[in-house]
Protein backbone atom coordinates (compact mmCIF):
# COMPACT_ATOMS: atom_id res chain seq x y z
CA MET A 1 -40.59 -38.77 -10.47
CA ILE A 2 -41.83 -42.11 -8.83
CA GLY A 3 -38.76 -43.62 -7.71
CA PRO A 4 -37.94 -44.66 -4.19
CA ASP A 5 -35.91 -42.55 -1.70
CA PHE A 6 -32.97 -44.97 -1.55
CA HIS A 7 -30.04 -44.94 -3.41
CA TRP A 8 -28.55 -48.29 -3.04
CA LEU A 9 -24.39 -48.87 -3.48
CA PRO A 10 -23.94 -51.55 -6.08
CA LYS A 11 -21.91 -53.81 -3.74
CA ILE A 12 -23.52 -55.35 -0.81
CA LYS A 13 -21.48 -55.98 2.34
CA PRO A 14 -22.58 -57.88 5.63
CA TYR A 15 -23.21 -54.54 7.16
CA GLN A 16 -23.70 -51.85 4.79
CA ILE A 17 -24.90 -48.09 5.20
CA TYR A 18 -26.83 -46.61 2.37
CA ALA A 19 -27.79 -43.12 2.00
CA ILE A 20 -31.67 -42.04 1.96
CA GLU A 21 -32.12 -39.51 -0.76
CA SER A 22 -35.16 -37.01 -1.76
CA PHE A 23 -36.06 -36.95 1.87
CA ASP A 24 -37.67 -33.56 1.37
CA THR A 25 -41.09 -34.91 0.17
CA THR A 26 -41.49 -36.63 3.82
CA ILE A 27 -40.72 -33.84 5.56
CA ALA A 28 -43.09 -31.55 3.91
CA ALA A 29 -45.75 -34.20 4.32
CA ALA A 30 -45.46 -34.63 7.89
CA ARG A 31 -45.37 -30.91 8.47
CA ARG A 32 -48.73 -30.91 6.59
CA ALA A 33 -50.06 -33.68 8.69
CA GLY A 34 -49.24 -31.37 12.02
CA VAL A 35 -46.20 -33.54 12.98
CA ARG A 36 -43.66 -31.74 15.28
CA PHE A 37 -40.13 -32.54 14.94
CA ASP A 38 -36.86 -30.73 15.87
CA ASP A 39 -34.51 -32.71 13.28
CA ALA A 40 -35.34 -33.02 9.65
CA ARG A 41 -32.24 -34.73 8.70
CA PRO A 42 -32.88 -38.13 6.74
CA PRO A 43 -32.15 -41.41 8.62
CA THR A 44 -29.61 -43.88 7.08
CA ALA A 45 -30.48 -47.20 5.68
CA HIS A 46 -28.73 -50.42 6.36
CA ARG A 47 -28.67 -54.22 5.18
CA ILE A 48 -27.67 -57.25 7.10
CA GLU A 49 -27.22 -60.67 5.84
CA GLN A 50 -29.92 -63.02 7.21
CA ASP A 51 -29.69 -66.95 7.12
CA GLY A 52 -31.09 -68.18 3.86
CA GLY A 53 -29.14 -66.01 1.48
CA PHE A 54 -30.97 -62.65 1.66
CA GLU A 55 -30.65 -59.45 3.40
CA LEU A 56 -32.74 -57.61 5.98
CA ASN A 57 -32.91 -53.83 5.25
CA PHE A 58 -33.60 -51.23 8.64
CA ILE A 59 -33.61 -47.68 8.93
CA ASP A 60 -31.45 -46.04 11.95
CA TRP A 61 -32.79 -42.49 12.85
CA GLY A 62 -29.51 -42.04 14.53
CA ASP A 63 -28.28 -41.07 18.18
CA GLU A 64 -25.00 -38.83 18.12
CA SER A 65 -25.11 -38.89 21.69
CA GLY A 66 -24.85 -42.45 21.90
CA THR A 67 -27.35 -42.36 25.31
CA LYS A 68 -30.72 -42.49 23.70
CA PRO A 69 -32.87 -45.43 24.72
CA ALA A 70 -34.03 -47.24 21.59
CA ILE A 71 -37.22 -48.52 19.72
CA ILE A 72 -37.68 -50.89 17.26
CA PHE A 73 -40.77 -50.46 14.93
CA ILE A 74 -42.25 -53.44 13.07
CA HIS A 75 -44.40 -52.60 10.46
CA GLY A 76 -47.85 -54.75 9.16
CA PHE A 77 -48.35 -57.01 6.41
CA LEU A 78 -47.41 -55.65 3.16
CA GLN A 79 -45.95 -52.58 4.59
CA GLN A 80 -42.45 -51.55 5.12
CA ALA A 81 -40.07 -50.00 7.34
CA ARG A 82 -40.80 -46.49 6.36
CA THR A 83 -44.51 -46.90 7.47
CA TRP A 84 -42.88 -45.37 10.88
CA ASP A 85 -41.21 -42.30 9.04
CA PHE A 86 -43.50 -39.51 10.81
CA THR A 87 -43.60 -41.28 14.11
CA CYS A 88 -39.68 -41.72 14.06
CA LEU A 89 -39.45 -38.06 13.18
CA ALA A 90 -41.64 -37.07 16.14
CA LEU A 91 -39.66 -39.40 18.62
CA ARG A 92 -35.96 -39.22 17.38
CA SER A 93 -34.89 -36.51 19.58
CA ARG A 94 -35.96 -38.62 22.64
CA PHE A 95 -35.31 -42.30 21.44
CA ARG A 96 -33.16 -43.94 19.04
CA CYS A 97 -35.70 -44.94 16.58
CA VAL A 98 -34.79 -48.07 14.24
CA SER A 99 -37.56 -49.86 12.06
CA LEU A 100 -37.23 -53.16 10.38
CA ASP A 101 -38.22 -54.63 7.03
CA LEU A 102 -39.38 -58.07 7.54
CA ARG A 103 -38.49 -60.73 4.75
CA GLY A 104 -40.20 -60.03 1.57
CA HIS A 105 -41.18 -56.39 2.66
CA GLY A 106 -39.99 -53.03 1.55
CA ASP A 107 -36.31 -53.12 0.74
CA SER A 108 -35.45 -56.44 2.50
CA GLY A 109 -34.74 -59.36 0.34
CA ARG A 110 -36.90 -62.35 -0.61
CA PRO A 111 -36.26 -65.87 0.72
CA GLU A 112 -35.57 -68.55 -2.08
CA GLU A 113 -38.32 -70.24 -0.84
CA PRO A 114 -41.51 -68.51 0.18
CA ASP A 115 -41.04 -68.79 4.08
CA TYR A 116 -43.58 -66.42 5.22
CA THR A 117 -44.76 -67.95 8.69
CA THR A 118 -44.87 -66.49 12.08
CA HIS A 119 -41.63 -68.56 13.20
CA HIS A 120 -39.63 -66.98 10.04
CA TYR A 121 -40.49 -63.64 10.77
CA GLN A 122 -39.32 -64.08 14.51
CA SER A 123 -36.26 -65.37 13.14
CA ASP A 124 -35.94 -62.01 11.18
CA LEU A 125 -36.30 -60.08 14.50
CA ARG A 126 -33.96 -61.91 16.36
CA ARG A 127 -31.24 -61.73 13.74
CA PHE A 128 -31.88 -58.00 13.81
CA ILE A 129 -31.65 -57.70 17.37
CA ARG A 130 -28.49 -59.57 17.36
CA HIS A 131 -26.99 -57.25 15.03
CA MET A 132 -28.22 -54.26 17.10
CA SER A 133 -26.29 -55.85 20.33
CA GLU A 134 -23.14 -57.00 18.43
CA GLU A 135 -22.50 -53.95 16.30
CA MET A 136 -24.57 -51.08 17.56
CA GLY A 137 -24.42 -51.42 21.35
CA ILE A 138 -27.86 -51.62 22.10
CA GLU A 139 -28.89 -53.89 24.56
CA ARG A 140 -32.36 -53.30 25.77
CA PHE A 141 -35.26 -51.53 23.81
CA GLY A 142 -38.74 -50.91 23.55
CA LEU A 143 -40.86 -52.70 20.73
CA CYS A 144 -43.70 -50.93 18.91
CA GLY A 145 -45.55 -53.19 16.09
CA LEU A 146 -48.65 -52.65 13.87
CA SER A 147 -50.82 -55.59 13.04
CA LEU A 148 -48.43 -58.37 11.95
CA GLY A 149 -45.71 -56.47 13.63
CA GLY A 150 -47.78 -56.26 16.78
CA HIS A 151 -47.92 -59.94 17.12
CA GLN A 152 -44.01 -60.12 16.53
CA SER A 153 -43.69 -57.48 19.24
CA TYR A 154 -45.28 -59.43 22.01
CA ILE A 155 -44.02 -62.76 21.06
CA TYR A 156 -40.62 -61.60 21.19
CA ALA A 157 -41.27 -60.00 24.36
CA SER A 158 -42.80 -63.06 26.01
CA GLU A 159 -39.59 -64.90 25.23
CA HIS A 160 -37.20 -62.17 26.28
CA PRO A 161 -38.45 -60.48 28.88
CA ASP A 162 -34.90 -59.37 30.15
CA VAL A 163 -34.07 -57.09 27.14
CA VAL A 164 -37.58 -55.51 26.52
CA ASP A 165 -38.60 -52.13 28.48
CA ALA A 166 -41.78 -51.84 26.90
CA ILE A 167 -44.08 -52.90 24.06
CA VAL A 168 -46.63 -51.05 21.90
CA VAL A 169 -49.22 -53.27 20.16
CA VAL A 170 -51.18 -51.55 17.54
CA ASP A 171 -54.69 -52.67 16.44
CA VAL A 172 -53.99 -56.33 16.63
CA ALA A 173 -54.99 -59.24 19.22
CA PRO A 174 -54.72 -62.85 19.69
CA GLU A 175 -58.07 -63.32 18.19
CA THR A 176 -59.78 -60.81 15.87
CA ASN A 177 -63.12 -59.85 14.27
CA ARG A 178 -63.77 -62.27 11.35
CA GLN A 179 -65.67 -59.82 9.30
CA ALA A 180 -63.09 -57.07 9.84
CA SER A 181 -60.47 -59.37 8.75
CA ARG A 182 -62.26 -60.44 5.70
CA GLY A 183 -62.59 -56.49 4.95
CA ILE A 184 -58.87 -56.09 5.06
CA ASN A 185 -58.49 -58.91 2.78
CA ARG A 186 -60.87 -57.51 0.23
CA TYR A 187 -58.93 -54.21 0.59
CA ILE A 188 -55.76 -55.81 -0.18
CA SER A 189 -57.11 -57.94 -3.17
CA ALA A 190 -58.61 -54.98 -4.58
CA LEU A 191 -55.14 -53.16 -4.69
CA PRO A 192 -54.06 -52.30 -8.41
CA LYS A 193 -51.02 -54.43 -9.47
CA ASP A 194 -50.18 -52.20 -12.60
CA GLY A 195 -51.30 -49.04 -14.49
CA PRO A 196 -50.28 -45.49 -14.44
CA PHE A 197 -48.97 -44.39 -10.83
CA GLU A 198 -51.43 -41.68 -10.51
CA GLU A 199 -54.31 -44.09 -11.05
CA LEU A 200 -52.99 -46.16 -8.21
CA VAL A 201 -52.94 -43.09 -5.97
CA GLU A 202 -56.58 -42.20 -7.18
CA LYS A 203 -57.92 -45.74 -6.26
CA VAL A 204 -55.99 -46.00 -3.12
CA SER A 205 -57.24 -42.56 -2.14
CA LYS A 206 -60.89 -43.60 -2.56
CA MET A 207 -60.35 -46.99 -0.56
CA SER A 208 -58.55 -44.80 2.26
CA PRO A 209 -61.09 -42.00 3.64
CA MET A 210 -59.00 -41.51 6.72
CA ARG A 211 -56.08 -40.04 4.52
CA ASN A 212 -55.84 -37.34 2.03
CA ARG A 213 -54.46 -37.59 -1.33
CA GLU A 214 -50.90 -36.31 -0.64
CA ALA A 215 -50.72 -38.64 2.24
CA VAL A 216 -51.67 -41.55 -0.08
CA ARG A 217 -49.35 -40.58 -2.66
CA GLY A 218 -46.42 -40.33 -0.02
CA SER A 219 -47.13 -43.75 1.42
CA LEU A 220 -47.34 -45.17 -1.99
CA LEU A 221 -44.04 -43.67 -3.15
CA ARG A 222 -42.42 -45.59 -0.15
CA ALA A 223 -44.16 -48.98 -1.11
CA THR A 224 -43.41 -49.17 -4.79
CA ARG A 225 -40.24 -49.11 -6.63
CA VAL A 226 -39.81 -48.03 -10.58
CA THR A 227 -39.33 -50.71 -13.13
CA GLU A 228 -36.98 -50.82 -15.85
CA GLY A 229 -39.44 -50.02 -18.08
CA GLY A 230 -40.53 -46.83 -16.22
CA GLY A 231 -43.53 -48.11 -14.66
CA TRP A 232 -44.17 -49.16 -10.98
CA GLU A 233 -44.25 -52.41 -8.97
CA TRP A 234 -44.72 -53.10 -5.22
CA LYS A 235 -41.96 -53.63 -3.26
CA HIS A 236 -43.18 -56.73 -1.33
CA ASP A 237 -42.94 -60.20 -2.60
CA PRO A 238 -45.95 -61.04 -4.77
CA ARG A 239 -45.74 -64.34 -3.31
CA LEU A 240 -46.79 -63.15 0.13
CA LEU A 241 -50.16 -62.89 -0.99
CA GLU A 242 -50.30 -66.74 -1.27
CA TYR A 243 -47.59 -68.10 1.29
CA HIS A 244 -48.04 -65.65 4.24
CA ARG A 245 -48.88 -67.87 6.92
CA PRO A 246 -49.44 -67.62 10.71
CA SER A 247 -47.56 -70.43 12.06
CA PHE A 248 -49.34 -69.72 15.52
CA THR A 249 -52.90 -70.46 16.20
CA SER A 250 -55.24 -68.02 18.34
CA GLU A 251 -54.43 -69.98 21.28
CA ASP A 252 -50.85 -69.72 20.64
CA TYR A 253 -51.00 -65.96 20.21
CA TRP A 254 -52.91 -66.17 23.84
CA GLN A 255 -50.23 -68.23 25.31
CA ALA A 256 -47.27 -65.85 24.33
CA LEU A 257 -49.52 -62.76 25.40
CA ARG A 258 -49.83 -64.42 28.94
CA LYS A 259 -46.14 -64.55 29.55
CA VAL A 260 -45.49 -60.92 28.74
CA VAL A 261 -44.42 -59.03 31.61
CA SER A 262 -43.26 -55.80 30.27
CA PRO A 263 -45.23 -52.91 30.38
CA THR A 264 -47.60 -52.84 27.61
CA LEU A 265 -49.74 -50.34 25.61
CA PHE A 266 -52.45 -51.42 23.33
CA VAL A 267 -53.51 -48.90 21.02
CA LEU A 268 -56.54 -49.25 18.58
CA GLY A 269 -57.79 -47.03 15.90
CA LYS A 270 -61.31 -45.53 17.04
CA ASN A 271 -62.85 -46.59 13.77
CA SER A 272 -61.27 -49.81 13.34
CA LYS A 273 -63.57 -53.02 14.12
CA LEU A 274 -60.70 -55.58 13.91
CA VAL A 275 -60.35 -56.23 17.82
CA THR A 276 -63.80 -56.04 19.84
CA THR A 277 -63.78 -54.17 23.23
CA ASP A 278 -64.35 -57.52 25.06
CA THR A 279 -61.00 -58.87 23.56
CA VAL A 280 -59.26 -55.65 24.42
CA ARG A 281 -60.43 -56.07 28.03
CA ARG A 282 -59.24 -59.47 28.04
CA MET A 283 -55.82 -58.47 26.84
CA VAL A 284 -55.60 -55.69 29.47
CA GLU A 285 -56.64 -58.06 32.45
CA MET A 286 -54.06 -60.63 31.22
CA VAL A 287 -50.78 -58.48 30.93
CA PRO A 288 -49.85 -57.02 34.33
CA GLY A 289 -50.04 -53.27 34.40
CA SER A 290 -51.09 -52.99 30.86
CA SER A 291 -53.71 -50.50 29.56
CA ALA A 292 -55.37 -49.51 26.20
CA GLY A 293 -56.02 -46.39 24.24
CA TYR A 294 -58.14 -45.61 21.19
CA VAL A 295 -56.84 -43.30 18.50
CA PRO A 296 -59.67 -41.05 17.01
CA ASN A 297 -60.05 -40.79 13.04
CA ALA A 298 -58.20 -44.02 12.74
CA SER A 299 -58.90 -47.10 11.16
CA HIS A 300 -56.46 -50.01 11.09
CA ARG A 301 -53.52 -48.64 9.87
CA VAL A 302 -53.32 -46.19 13.01
CA PRO A 303 -49.84 -44.47 12.29
CA GLY A 304 -50.74 -43.48 8.79
CA ASP A 305 -54.45 -42.54 9.68
CA ASN A 306 -53.83 -40.33 12.38
CA PRO A 307 -50.15 -39.70 12.97
CA VAL A 308 -50.55 -36.76 15.27
CA GLY A 309 -52.94 -38.82 17.38
CA PHE A 310 -50.83 -41.69 17.32
CA ILE A 311 -47.75 -40.16 18.46
CA ARG A 312 -49.74 -38.35 21.17
CA ALA A 313 -51.15 -41.73 22.45
CA ILE A 314 -47.73 -43.52 22.54
CA LYS A 315 -45.04 -40.67 23.34
CA PRO A 316 -45.77 -40.39 27.37
CA PHE A 317 -46.02 -44.35 27.57
CA LEU A 318 -42.75 -44.42 26.06
CA GLU A 319 -40.82 -41.68 27.84
CA ARG A 320 -41.92 -43.30 31.07
CA TYR A 321 -40.92 -47.11 30.42
CA VAL A 322 -38.41 -47.32 27.71
CA GLY A 323 -34.96 -46.80 29.24
CA GLY A 324 -34.94 -49.05 32.34
CA LYS A 325 -38.07 -48.31 34.18
CA THR A 326 -40.28 -51.46 35.33
CA VAL A 327 -44.05 -51.90 35.84
CA GLU A 328 -43.82 -53.46 39.30
CA GLY A 329 -46.48 -51.74 41.57
CA ASP A 330 -47.21 -49.18 38.90
CA LYS A 331 -50.42 -49.15 36.64
CA VAL A 332 -49.58 -48.15 33.30
CA LYS A 333 -51.64 -44.84 32.39
CA GLN A 334 -54.32 -45.16 29.72
CA ALA A 335 -53.18 -43.29 26.47
CA SER A 336 -54.70 -39.84 26.11
CA THR A 337 -56.16 -39.79 22.68
């Protein structure tokens, strides 16, 4: 069976909790990848209403004690909240991990008009954070974002320094290597849109040399859903390929990053060419107390390419700064990779 792990209740409410089923495959895959964790219980999925008549989905990994500091995880383009499953499994004993599906991605709804710009994604993040404050009692948090999610993280932190403890920005920068960007676009364009599911697994496995076949299969199970005819389709809105538009220029991104005062860690894939060393150096010099680290055996999709290396890179930083600590007078240590 290639169906999704979620079982959605038929009646949607403004704040509805859903059960995540068939989580055993995720647990088994995490163990095979060498990810260490103490709690194998499935998280819960939730939906909240967003302006515009659609819903935002998020995954909550729980906090029975009510005392854990929170971290919001934000995925990259065409990915989804469950991109972060292995990371959240490893960190949930220390943090309340929550991961968001941006509009048109994963199990979030699709706006009637294809409004997929930086400003619209920021609207989603603000709506979610307002829900966290009003309904979950979470007032402060860390942010961790990959690619598109990395942009969203430091933009939000630049505008709301009073609530963001720290941020992790993964393999993205205000300006990127154009040749590497074109390579990512070619990868996206080459992804199959139909055919047998196992052929999809086979092709994506060949396109993803950093991952073994089972890891690829697991990520595709989370990124697709079963159609009425028994086939599969991508969860994301197909209009994203045409209408996804950054409404920030490179200079706008630099201006946002320049305003960040929260402790910041830039994490890059060692095999990724998207962000040049000169750009990494400029980012570290720009953000007070920030640092950068490279994860070996990882390309652009760092958390999935080398989950153990990624967790090792970010965990000490998060433990040090998420939960109320500041960066004043204290240089953030470089990630150990």
